[in-house]
Amino acid sequence: MKRFVYSILVLAIILVGVTFTTKNAQLVELNYYFGVHWVTPLSFMLLTTFTVGIVLGLLVSLAMQARMQRQLLQVRRENRQLEQEVNNLRALPIRDVP
């Protein structure tokens, strides 16, 4: 059942994409820095912009994930040291204090 719902959802997204492409076939012009000039259909321009946004978002999240992974390794190392210290303290004999 889950697979069927996903299939219907994918087909609906493809249908919306195809109809959007056919309704927005006019050419748009992009002028950017350093003389970059690009003329392409509106739907392709939007798809490209969306894709670039996804890639940039993934790169930012990848950098954040790498930083968090480094922190996790550091905390695990500290945890091992503290566990070793606790085990050493548990192994010490208990002395009666007069």
PDB file of N, CA and C in Angstrom:
ATOM      1  N   MET A   1       0.822  -1.188   0.000  1.00  0.00           N
ATOM      2  CA  MET A   1       0.000   0.000   0.000  1.00  0.00           C
ATOM      3  C   MET A   1       0.870   1.257   0.000  1.00  0.00           C
ATOM      4  N   LYS A   2       1.946   1.205   0.817  1.00  0.00           N
ATOM      5  CA  LYS A   2       2.844   2.341   0.893  1.00  0.00           C
ATOM      6  C   LYS A   2       3.502   2.617  -0.464  1.00  0.00           C
ATOM      7  N   ARG A   3       3.882   1.562  -1.125  1.00  0.00           N
ATOM      8  CA  ARG A   3       4.521   1.691  -2.440  1.00  0.00           C
ATOM      9  C   ARG A   3       3.559   2.291  -3.458  1.00  0.00           C
ATOM     10  N   PHE A   4       2.307   1.909  -3.376  1.00  0.00           N
ATOM     11  CA  PHE A   4       1.283   2.428  -4.277  1.00  0.00           C
ATOM     12  C   PHE A   4       1.107   3.937  -4.074  1.00  0.00           C
ATOM     13  N   VAL A   5       1.074   4.364  -2.820  1.00  0.00           N
ATOM     14  CA  VAL A   5       0.909   5.791  -2.519  1.00  0.00           C
ATOM     15  C   VAL A   5       2.111   6.576  -3.036  1.00  0.00           C
ATOM     16  N   TYR A   6       3.324   6.049  -2.830  1.00  0.00           N
ATOM     17  CA  TYR A   6       4.521   6.712  -3.347  1.00  0.00           C
ATOM     18  C   TYR A   6       4.494   6.789  -4.874  1.00  0.00           C
ATOM     19  N   SER A   7       4.035   5.751  -5.532  1.00  0.00           N
ATOM     20  CA  SER A   7       3.951   5.753  -6.992  1.00  0.00           C
ATOM     21  C   SER A   7       2.979   6.821  -7.477  1.00  0.00           C
ATOM     22  N   ILE A   8       1.836   6.926  -6.832  1.00  0.00           N
ATOM     23  CA  ILE A   8       0.857   7.951  -7.198  1.00  0.00           C
ATOM     24  C   ILE A   8       1.434   9.340  -6.956  1.00  0.00           C
ATOM     25  N   LEU A   9       2.140   9.516  -5.840  1.00  0.00           N
ATOM     26  CA  LEU A   9       2.748  10.808  -5.541  1.00  0.00           C
ATOM     27  C   LEU A   9       3.804  11.182  -6.579  1.00  0.00           C
ATOM     28  N   VAL A  10       4.641  10.238  -6.968  1.00  0.00           N
ATOM     29  CA  VAL A  10       5.669  10.500  -7.986  1.00  0.00           C
ATOM     30  C   VAL A  10       5.017  10.844  -9.322  1.00  0.00           C
ATOM     31  N   LEU A  11       3.995  10.112  -9.703  1.00  0.00           N
ATOM     32  CA  LEU A  11       3.294  10.415 -10.954  1.00  0.00           C
ATOM     33  C   LEU A  11       2.657  11.802 -10.920  1.00  0.00           C
ATOM     34  N   ALA A  12       2.100  12.189  -9.780  1.00  0.00           N
ATOM     35  CA  ALA A  12       1.492  13.521  -9.659  1.00  0.00           C
ATOM     36  C   ALA A  12       2.554  14.610  -9.794  1.00  0.00           C
ATOM     37  N   ILE A  13       3.721  14.395  -9.183  1.00  0.00           N
ATOM     38  CA  ILE A  13       4.801  15.386  -9.282  1.00  0.00           C
ATOM     39  C   ILE A  13       5.303  15.487 -10.721  1.00  0.00           C
ATOM     40  N   ILE A  14       5.437  14.365 -11.391  1.00  0.00           N
ATOM     41  CA  ILE A  14       5.872  14.373 -12.797  1.00  0.00           C
ATOM     42  C   ILE A  14       4.839  15.083 -13.661  1.00  0.00           C
ATOM     43  N   LEU A  15       3.565  14.834 -13.425  1.00  0.00           N
ATOM     44  CA  LEU A  15       2.504  15.488 -14.188  1.00  0.00           C
ATOM     45  C   LEU A  15       2.525  16.996 -13.983  1.00  0.00           C
ATOM     46  N   VAL A  16       2.712  17.434 -12.729  1.00  0.00           N
ATOM     47  CA  VAL A  16       2.792  18.872 -12.454  1.00  0.00           C
ATOM     48  C   VAL A  16       4.019  19.465 -13.146  1.00  0.00           C
ATOM     49  N   GLY A  17       5.139  18.762 -13.106  1.00  0.00           N
ATOM     50  CA  GLY A  17       6.357  19.251 -13.759  1.00  0.00           C
ATOM     51  C   GLY A  17       6.208  19.373 -15.262  1.00  0.00           C
ATOM     52  N   VAL A  18       5.576  18.385 -15.882  1.00  0.00           N
ATOM     53  CA  VAL A  18       5.382  18.423 -17.338  1.00  0.00           C
ATOM     54  C   VAL A  18       4.434  19.561 -17.722  1.00  0.00           C
ATOM     55  N   THR A  19       3.339  19.702 -16.990  1.00  0.00           N
ATOM     56  CA  THR A  19       2.403  20.790 -17.321  1.00  0.00           C
ATOM     57  C   THR A  19       3.040  22.147 -17.056  1.00  0.00           C
ATOM     58  N   PHE A  20       3.847  22.279 -16.013  1.00  0.00           N
ATOM     59  CA  PHE A  20       4.538  23.541 -15.750  1.00  0.00           C
ATOM     60  C   PHE A  20       5.494  23.871 -16.887  1.00  0.00           C
ATOM     61  N   THR A  21       6.194  22.859 -17.373  1.00  0.00           N
ATOM     62  CA  THR A  21       7.144  23.065 -18.468  1.00  0.00           C
ATOM     63  C   THR A  21       6.438  23.509 -19.740  1.00  0.00           C
ATOM     64  N   THR A  22       5.319  22.892 -20.055  1.00  0.00           N
ATOM     65  CA  THR A  22       4.612  23.262 -21.287  1.00  0.00           C
ATOM     66  C   THR A  22       3.957  24.634 -21.174  1.00  0.00           C
ATOM     67  N   LYS A  23       3.508  25.019 -19.997  1.00  0.00           N
ATOM     68  CA  LYS A  23       2.870  26.325 -19.823  1.00  0.00           C
ATOM     69  C   LYS A  23       3.874  27.467 -19.738  1.00  0.00           C
ATOM     70  N   ASN A  24       5.126  27.177 -19.406  1.00  0.00           N
ATOM     71  CA  ASN A  24       6.143  28.217 -19.220  1.00  0.00           C
ATOM     72  C   ASN A  24       7.329  27.979 -20.139  1.00  0.00           C
ATOM     73  N   ALA A  25       7.065  27.923 -21.427  1.00  0.00           N
ATOM     74  CA  ALA A  25       8.119  27.638 -22.403  1.00  0.00           C
ATOM     75  C   ALA A  25       8.815  28.895 -22.916  1.00  0.00           C
ATOM     76  N   GLN A  26       8.384  30.076 -22.477  1.00  0.00           N
ATOM     77  CA  GLN A  26       9.008  31.298 -22.971  1.00  0.00           C
ATOM     78  C   GLN A  26      10.456  31.405 -22.492  1.00  0.00           C
ATOM     79  N   LEU A  27      11.249  32.089 -23.299  1.00  0.00           N
ATOM     80  CA  LEU A  27      12.665  32.240 -22.992  1.00  0.00           C
ATOM     81  C   LEU A  27      12.867  33.385 -22.004  1.00  0.00           C
ATOM     82  N   VAL A  28      13.772  33.187 -21.082  1.00  0.00           N
ATOM     83  CA  VAL A  28      14.168  34.244 -20.154  1.00  0.00           C
ATOM     84  C   VAL A  28      15.661  34.448 -20.280  1.00  0.00           C
ATOM     85  N   GLU A  29      16.065  35.666 -19.944  1.00  0.00           N
ATOM     86  CA  GLU A  29      17.462  36.036 -20.100  1.00  0.00           C
ATOM     87  C   GLU A  29      18.052  36.318 -18.731  1.00  0.00           C
ATOM     88  N   LEU A  30      19.218  35.744 -18.473  1.00  0.00           N
ATOM     89  CA  LEU A  30      19.917  35.973 -17.212  1.00  0.00           C
ATOM     90  C   LEU A  30      21.228  36.664 -17.515  1.00  0.00           C
ATOM     91  N   ASN A  31      21.404  37.860 -16.966  1.00  0.00           N
ATOM     92  CA  ASN A  31      22.660  38.600 -17.070  1.00  0.00           C
ATOM     93  C   ASN A  31      23.296  38.611 -15.694  1.00  0.00           C
ATOM     94  N   TYR A  32      24.516  38.109 -15.612  1.00  0.00           N
ATOM     95  CA  TYR A  32      25.189  38.002 -14.328  1.00  0.00           C
ATOM     96  C   TYR A  32      26.523  38.716 -14.413  1.00  0.00           C
ATOM     97  N   TYR A  33      27.296  38.633 -13.356  1.00  0.00           N
ATOM     98  CA  TYR A  33      28.594  39.299 -13.311  1.00  0.00           C
ATOM     99  C   TYR A  33      29.553  38.731 -14.346  1.00  0.00           C
ATOM    100  N   PHE A  34      30.555  39.514 -14.668  1.00  0.00           N
ATOM    101  CA  PHE A  34      31.647  39.127 -15.571  1.00  0.00           C
ATOM    102  C   PHE A  34      31.152  38.747 -16.958  1.00  0.00           C
ATOM    103  N   GLY A  35      30.073  39.353 -17.411  1.00  0.00           N
ATOM    104  CA  GLY A  35      29.579  39.130 -18.758  1.00  0.00           C
ATOM    105  C   GLY A  35      28.893  37.797 -18.982  1.00  0.00           C
ATOM    106  N   VAL A  36      28.490  37.129 -17.921  1.00  0.00           N
ATOM    107  CA  VAL A  36      27.782  35.864 -18.072  1.00  0.00           C
ATOM    108  C   VAL A  36      26.372  36.172 -18.546  1.00  0.00           C
ATOM    109  N   HIS A  37      26.015  35.566 -19.674  1.00  0.00           N
ATOM    110  CA  HIS A  37      24.711  35.810 -20.290  1.00  0.00           C
ATOM    111  C   HIS A  37      24.121  34.450 -20.649  1.00  0.00           C
ATOM    112  N   TRP A  38      22.880  34.211 -20.211  1.00  0.00           N
ATOM    113  CA  TRP A  38      22.272  32.904 -20.412  1.00  0.00           C
ATOM    114  C   TRP A  38      20.819  33.087 -20.811  1.00  0.00           C
ATOM    115  N   VAL A  39      20.435  32.512 -21.944  1.00  0.00           N
ATOM    116  CA  VAL A  39      19.048  32.549 -22.407  1.00  0.00           C
ATOM    117  C   VAL A  39      18.545  31.110 -22.446  1.00  0.00           C
ATOM    118  N   THR A  40      17.462  30.853 -21.708  1.00  0.00           N
ATOM    119  CA  THR A  40      16.927  29.501 -21.599  1.00  0.00           C
ATOM    120  C   THR A  40      15.444  29.581 -21.248  1.00  0.00           C
ATOM    121  N   PRO A  41      14.699  28.501 -21.460  1.00  0.00           N
ATOM    122  CA  PRO A  41      13.283  28.512 -21.052  1.00  0.00           C
ATOM    123  C   PRO A  41      13.138  28.713 -19.539  1.00  0.00           C
ATOM    124  N   LEU A  42      12.047  29.339 -19.143  1.00  0.00           N
ATOM    125  CA  LEU A  42      11.794  29.651 -17.740  1.00  0.00           C
ATOM    126  C   LEU A  42      11.806  28.396 -16.872  1.00  0.00           C
ATOM    127  N   SER A  43      11.190  27.335 -17.345  1.00  0.00           N
ATOM    128  CA  SER A  43      11.125  26.116 -16.529  1.00  0.00           C
ATOM    129  C   SER A  43      12.514  25.544 -16.268  1.00  0.00           C
ATOM    130  N   PHE A  44      13.389  25.583 -17.268  1.00  0.00           N
ATOM    131  CA  PHE A  44      14.744  25.079 -17.085  1.00  0.00           C
ATOM    132  C   PHE A  44      15.535  25.977 -16.144  1.00  0.00           C
ATOM    133  N   MET A  45      15.314  27.287 -16.245  1.00  0.00           N
ATOM    134  CA  MET A  45      15.992  28.238 -15.356  1.00  0.00           C
ATOM    135  C   MET A  45      15.584  27.976 -13.902  1.00  0.00           C
ATOM    136  N   LEU A  46      14.302  27.758 -13.662  1.00  0.00           N
ATOM    137  CA  LEU A  46      13.830  27.477 -12.308  1.00  0.00           C
ATOM    138  C   LEU A  46      14.359  26.141 -11.800  1.00  0.00           C
ATOM    139  N   LEU A  47      14.382  25.144 -12.663  1.00  0.00           N
ATOM    140  CA  LEU A  47      14.914  23.838 -12.277  1.00  0.00           C
ATOM    141  C   LEU A  47      16.395  23.940 -11.925  1.00  0.00           C
ATOM    142  N   THR A  48      17.143  24.702 -12.703  1.00  0.00           N
ATOM    143  CA  THR A  48      18.568  24.891 -12.434  1.00  0.00           C
ATOM    144  C   THR A  48      18.779  25.622 -11.112  1.00  0.00           C
ATOM    145  N   THR A  49      17.998  26.669 -10.879  1.00  0.00           N
ATOM    146  CA  THR A  49      18.103  27.418  -9.627  1.00  0.00           C
ATOM    147  C   THR A  49      17.776  26.532  -8.437  1.00  0.00           C
ATOM    148  N   PHE A  50      16.732  25.725  -8.554  1.00  0.00           N
ATOM    149  CA  PHE A  50      16.338  24.799  -7.499  1.00  0.00           C
ATOM    150  C   PHE A  50      17.451  23.788  -7.227  1.00  0.00           C
ATOM    151  N   THR A  51      18.046  23.255  -8.274  1.00  0.00           N
ATOM    152  CA  THR A  51      19.122  22.276  -8.138  1.00  0.00           C
ATOM    153  C   THR A  51      20.352  22.891  -7.473  1.00  0.00           C
ATOM    154  N   VAL A  52      20.717  24.102  -7.879  1.00  0.00           N
ATOM    155  CA  VAL A  52      21.866  24.777  -7.267  1.00  0.00           C
ATOM    156  C   VAL A  52      21.600  25.022  -5.787  1.00  0.00           C
ATOM    157  N   GLY A  53      20.376  25.400  -5.444  1.00  0.00           N
ATOM    158  CA  GLY A  53      20.022  25.604  -4.043  1.00  0.00           C
ATOM    159  C   GLY A  53      20.138  24.324  -3.235  1.00  0.00           C
ATOM    160  N   ILE A  54      19.691  23.218  -3.800  1.00  0.00           N
ATOM    161  CA  ILE A  54      19.800  21.930  -3.109  1.00  0.00           C
ATOM    162  C   ILE A  54      21.260  21.557  -2.901  1.00  0.00           C
ATOM    163  N   VAL A  55      22.086  21.726  -3.916  1.00  0.00           N
ATOM    164  CA  VAL A  55      23.508  21.375  -3.809  1.00  0.00           C
ATOM    165  C   VAL A  55      24.193  22.242  -2.756  1.00  0.00           C
ATOM    166  N   LEU A  56      23.918  23.559  -2.762  1.00  0.00           N
ATOM    167  CA  LEU A  56      24.527  24.427  -1.757  1.00  0.00           C
ATOM    168  C   LEU A  56      24.058  24.063  -0.350  1.00  0.00           C
ATOM    169  N   GLY A  57      22.795  23.750  -0.193  1.00  0.00           N
ATOM    170  CA  GLY A  57      22.279  23.333   1.105  1.00  0.00           C
ATOM    171  C   GLY A  57      22.924  22.046   1.585  1.00  0.00           C
ATOM    172  N   LEU A  58      23.128  21.098   0.675  1.00  0.00           N
ATOM    173  CA  LEU A  58      23.794  19.848   1.047  1.00  0.00           C
ATOM    174  C   LEU A  58      25.245  20.074   1.451  1.00  0.00           C
ATOM    175  N   LEU A  59      25.930  20.974   0.751  1.00  0.00           N
ATOM    176  CA  LEU A  59      27.321  21.267   1.102  1.00  0.00           C
ATOM    177  C   LEU A  59      27.419  21.903   2.485  1.00  0.00           C
ATOM    178  N   VAL A  60      26.507  22.824   2.791  1.00  0.00           N
ATOM    179  CA  VAL A  60      26.510  23.465   4.100  1.00  0.00           C
ATOM    180  C   VAL A  60      26.207  22.437   5.181  1.00  0.00           C
ATOM    181  N   SER A  61      25.221  21.578   4.932  1.00  0.00           N
ATOM    182  CA  SER A  61      24.884  20.571   5.943  1.00  0.00           C
ATOM    183  C   SER A  61      26.003  19.541   6.081  1.00  0.00           C
ATOM    184  N   LEU A  62      26.712  19.261   5.011  1.00  0.00           N
ATOM    185  CA  LEU A  62      27.835  18.330   5.079  1.00  0.00           C
ATOM    186  C   LEU A  62      28.952  18.898   5.945  1.00  0.00           C
ATOM    187  N   ALA A  63      29.223  20.191   5.796  1.00  0.00           N
ATOM    188  CA  ALA A  63      30.247  20.831   6.625  1.00  0.00           C
ATOM    189  C   ALA A  63      29.831  20.797   8.089  1.00  0.00           C
ATOM    190  N   MET A  64      28.568  21.068   8.360  1.00  0.00           N
ATOM    191  CA  MET A  64      28.083  21.039   9.736  1.00  0.00           C
ATOM    192  C   MET A  64      28.137  19.618  10.295  1.00  0.00           C
ATOM    193  N   GLN A  65      27.803  18.643   9.487  1.00  0.00           N
ATOM    194  CA  GLN A  65      27.849  17.258   9.935  1.00  0.00           C
ATOM    195  C   GLN A  65      29.285  16.819  10.227  1.00  0.00           C
ATOM    196  N   ALA A  66      30.234  17.251   9.424  1.00  0.00           N
ATOM    197  CA  ALA A  66      31.639  16.911   9.663  1.00  0.00           C
ATOM    198  C   ALA A  66      32.110  17.521  10.981  1.00  0.00           C
ATOM    199  N   ARG A  67      31.707  18.759  11.261  1.00  0.00           N
ATOM    200  CA  ARG A  67      32.077  19.404  12.518  1.00  0.00           C
ATOM    201  C   ARG A  67      31.476  18.647  13.700  1.00  0.00           C
ATOM    202  N   MET A  68      30.217  18.255  13.582  1.00  0.00           N
ATOM    203  CA  MET A  68      29.565  17.522  14.657  1.00  0.00           C
ATOM    204  C   MET A  68      30.199  16.143  14.855  1.00  0.00           C
ATOM    205  N   GLN A  69      30.630  15.512  13.775  1.00  0.00           N
ATOM    206  CA  GLN A  69      31.290  14.210  13.865  1.00  0.00           C
ATOM    207  C   GLN A  69      32.611  14.331  14.621  1.00  0.00           C
ATOM    208  N   ARG A  70      33.356  15.407  14.349  1.00  0.00           N
ATOM    209  CA  ARG A  70      34.600  15.664  15.071  1.00  0.00           C
ATOM    210  C   ARG A  70      34.332  15.859  16.559  1.00  0.00           C
ATOM    211  N   GLN A  71      33.292  16.636  16.881  1.00  0.00           N
ATOM    212  CA  GLN A  71      32.937  16.842  18.284  1.00  0.00           C
ATOM    213  C   GLN A  71      32.538  15.527  18.952  1.00  0.00           C
ATOM    214  N   LEU A  72      31.791  14.696  18.227  1.00  0.00           N
ATOM    215  CA  LEU A  72      31.372  13.405  18.777  1.00  0.00           C
ATOM    216  C   LEU A  72      32.577  12.529  19.089  1.00  0.00           C
ATOM    217  N   LEU A  73      33.548  12.483  18.190  1.00  0.00           N
ATOM    218  CA  LEU A  73      34.760  11.692  18.440  1.00  0.00           C
ATOM    219  C   LEU A  73      35.507  12.205  19.664  1.00  0.00           C
ATOM    220  N   GLN A  74      35.580  13.527  19.814  1.00  0.00           N
ATOM    221  CA  GLN A  74      36.263  14.109  20.958  1.00  0.00           C
ATOM    222  C   GLN A  74      35.533  13.751  22.253  1.00  0.00           C
ATOM    223  N   VAL A  75      34.230  13.826  22.265  1.00  0.00           N
ATOM    224  CA  VAL A  75      33.458  13.508  23.469  1.00  0.00           C
ATOM    225  C   VAL A  75      33.567  12.020  23.794  1.00  0.00           C
ATOM    226  N   ARG A  76      33.568  11.176  22.784  1.00  0.00           N
ATOM    227  CA  ARG A  76      33.738   9.739  23.030  1.00  0.00           C
ATOM    228  C   ARG A  76      35.102   9.449  23.650  1.00  0.00           C
ATOM    229  N   ARG A  77      36.126  10.133  23.167  1.00  0.00           N
ATOM    230  CA  ARG A  77      37.474   9.964  23.717  1.00  0.00           C
ATOM    231  C   ARG A  77      37.502  10.386  25.190  1.00  0.00           C
ATOM    232  N   GLU A  78      36.891  11.545  25.482  1.00  0.00           N
ATOM    233  CA  GLU A  78      36.835  12.004  26.867  1.00  0.00           C
ATOM    234  C   GLU A  78      36.044  11.022  27.735  1.00  0.00           C
ATOM    235  N   ASN A  79      34.973  10.476  27.187  1.00  0.00           N
ATOM    236  CA  ASN A  79      34.152   9.519  27.922  1.00  0.00           C
ATOM    237  C   ASN A  79      34.954   8.265  28.266  1.00  0.00           C
ATOM    238  N   ARG A  80      35.735   7.763  27.319  1.00  0.00           N
ATOM    239  CA  ARG A  80      36.579   6.591  27.585  1.00  0.00           C
ATOM    240  C   ARG A  80      37.576   6.877  28.698  1.00  0.00           C
ATOM    241  N   GLN A  81      38.165   8.083  28.666  1.00  0.00           N
ATOM    242  CA  GLN A  81      39.126   8.446  29.711  1.00  0.00           C
ATOM    243  C   GLN A  81      38.448   8.510  31.076  1.00  0.00           C
ATOM    244  N   LEU A  82      37.267   9.095  31.116  1.00  0.00           N
ATOM    245  CA  LEU A  82      36.546   9.192  32.389  1.00  0.00           C
ATOM    246  C   LEU A  82      36.108   7.820  32.895  1.00  0.00           C
ATOM    247  N   GLU A  83      35.680   6.949  31.988  1.00  0.00           N
ATOM    248  CA  GLU A  83      35.319   5.591  32.397  1.00  0.00           C
ATOM    249  C   GLU A  83      36.534   4.852  32.952  1.00  0.00           C
ATOM    250  N   GLN A  84      37.667   5.049  32.336  1.00  0.00           N
ATOM    251  CA  GLN A  84      38.898   4.419  32.825  1.00  0.00           C
ATOM    252  C   GLN A  84      39.251   4.948  34.209  1.00  0.00           C
ATOM    253  N   GLU A  85      39.087   6.246  34.412  1.00  0.00           N
ATOM    254  CA  GLU A  85      39.368   6.840  35.714  1.00  0.00           C
ATOM    255  C   GLU A  85      38.418   6.291  36.781  1.00  0.00           C
ATOM    256  N   VAL A  86      37.142   6.152  36.462  1.00  0.00           N
ATOM    257  CA  VAL A  86      36.169   5.586  37.402  1.00  0.00           C
ATOM    258  C   VAL A  86      36.530   4.147  37.724  1.00  0.00           C
ATOM    259  N   ASN A  87      36.896   3.363  36.729  1.00  0.00           N
ATOM    260  CA  ASN A  87      37.298   1.971  36.973  1.00  0.00           C
ATOM    261  C   ASN A  87      38.530   1.898  37.857  1.00  0.00           C
ATOM    262  N   ASN A  88      39.485   2.788  37.658  1.00  0.00           N
ATOM    263  CA  ASN A  88      40.681   2.823  38.502  1.00  0.00           C
ATOM    264  C   ASN A  88      40.319   3.180  39.941  1.00  0.00           C
ATOM    265  N   LEU A  89      39.410   4.132  40.097  1.00  0.00           N
ATOM    266  CA  LEU A  89      38.993   4.511  41.449  1.00  0.00           C
ATOM    267  C   LEU A  89      38.238   3.387  42.138  1.00  0.00           C
ATOM    268  N   ARG A  90      37.462   2.640  41.393  1.00  0.00           N
ATOM    269  CA  ARG A  90      36.731   1.512  41.973  1.00  0.00           C
ATOM    270  C   ARG A  90      37.688   0.397  42.411  1.00  0.00           C
ATOM    271  N   ALA A  91      38.816   0.289  41.753  1.00  0.00           N
ATOM    272  CA  ALA A  91      39.775  -0.770  42.067  1.00  0.00           C
ATOM    273  C   ALA A  91      40.631  -0.444  43.292  1.00  0.00           C
ATOM    274  N   LEU A  92      40.628   0.806  43.730  1.00  0.00           N
ATOM    275  CA  LEU A  92      41.417   1.178  44.902  1.00  0.00           C
ATOM    276  C   LEU A  92      40.797   0.567  46.159  1.00  0.00           C
ATOM    277  N   PRO A  93      41.640   0.119  47.076  1.00  0.00           N
ATOM    278  CA  PRO A  93      41.087  -0.422  48.325  1.00  0.00           C
ATOM    279  C   PRO A  93      40.528   0.692  49.194  1.00  0.00           C
ATOM    280  N   ILE A  94      39.489   0.360  49.930  1.00  0.00           N
ATOM    281  CA  ILE A  94      38.857   1.347  50.808  1.00  0.00           C
ATOM    282  C   ILE A  94      39.574   1.298  52.149  1.00  0.00           C
ATOM    283  N   ARG A  95      39.976   2.453  52.636  1.00  0.00           N
ATOM    284  CA  ARG A  95      40.679   2.549  53.917  1.00  0.00           C
ATOM    285  C   ARG A  95      39.709   3.068  54.976  1.00  0.00           C
ATOM    286  N   ASP A  96      39.840   2.514  56.164  1.00  0.00           N
ATOM    287  CA  ASP A  96      39.042   3.034  57.264  1.00  0.00           C
ATOM    288  C   ASP A  96      39.709   4.300  57.783  1.00  0.00           C
ATOM    289  N   VAL A  97      38.922   5.300  57.977  1.00  0.00           N
ATOM    290  CA  VAL A  97      39.439   6.563  58.474  1.00  0.00           C
ATOM    291  C   VAL A  97      39.200   6.602  59.977  1.00  0.00           C
ATOM    292  N   PRO A  98      40.269   6.798  60.798  1.00  0.00           N
ATOM    293  CA  PRO A  98      40.062   6.799  62.248  1.00  0.00           C
ATOM    294  C   PRO A  98      39.398   8.057  62.751  1.00  0.00           C
TER     295      PRO A  98
END
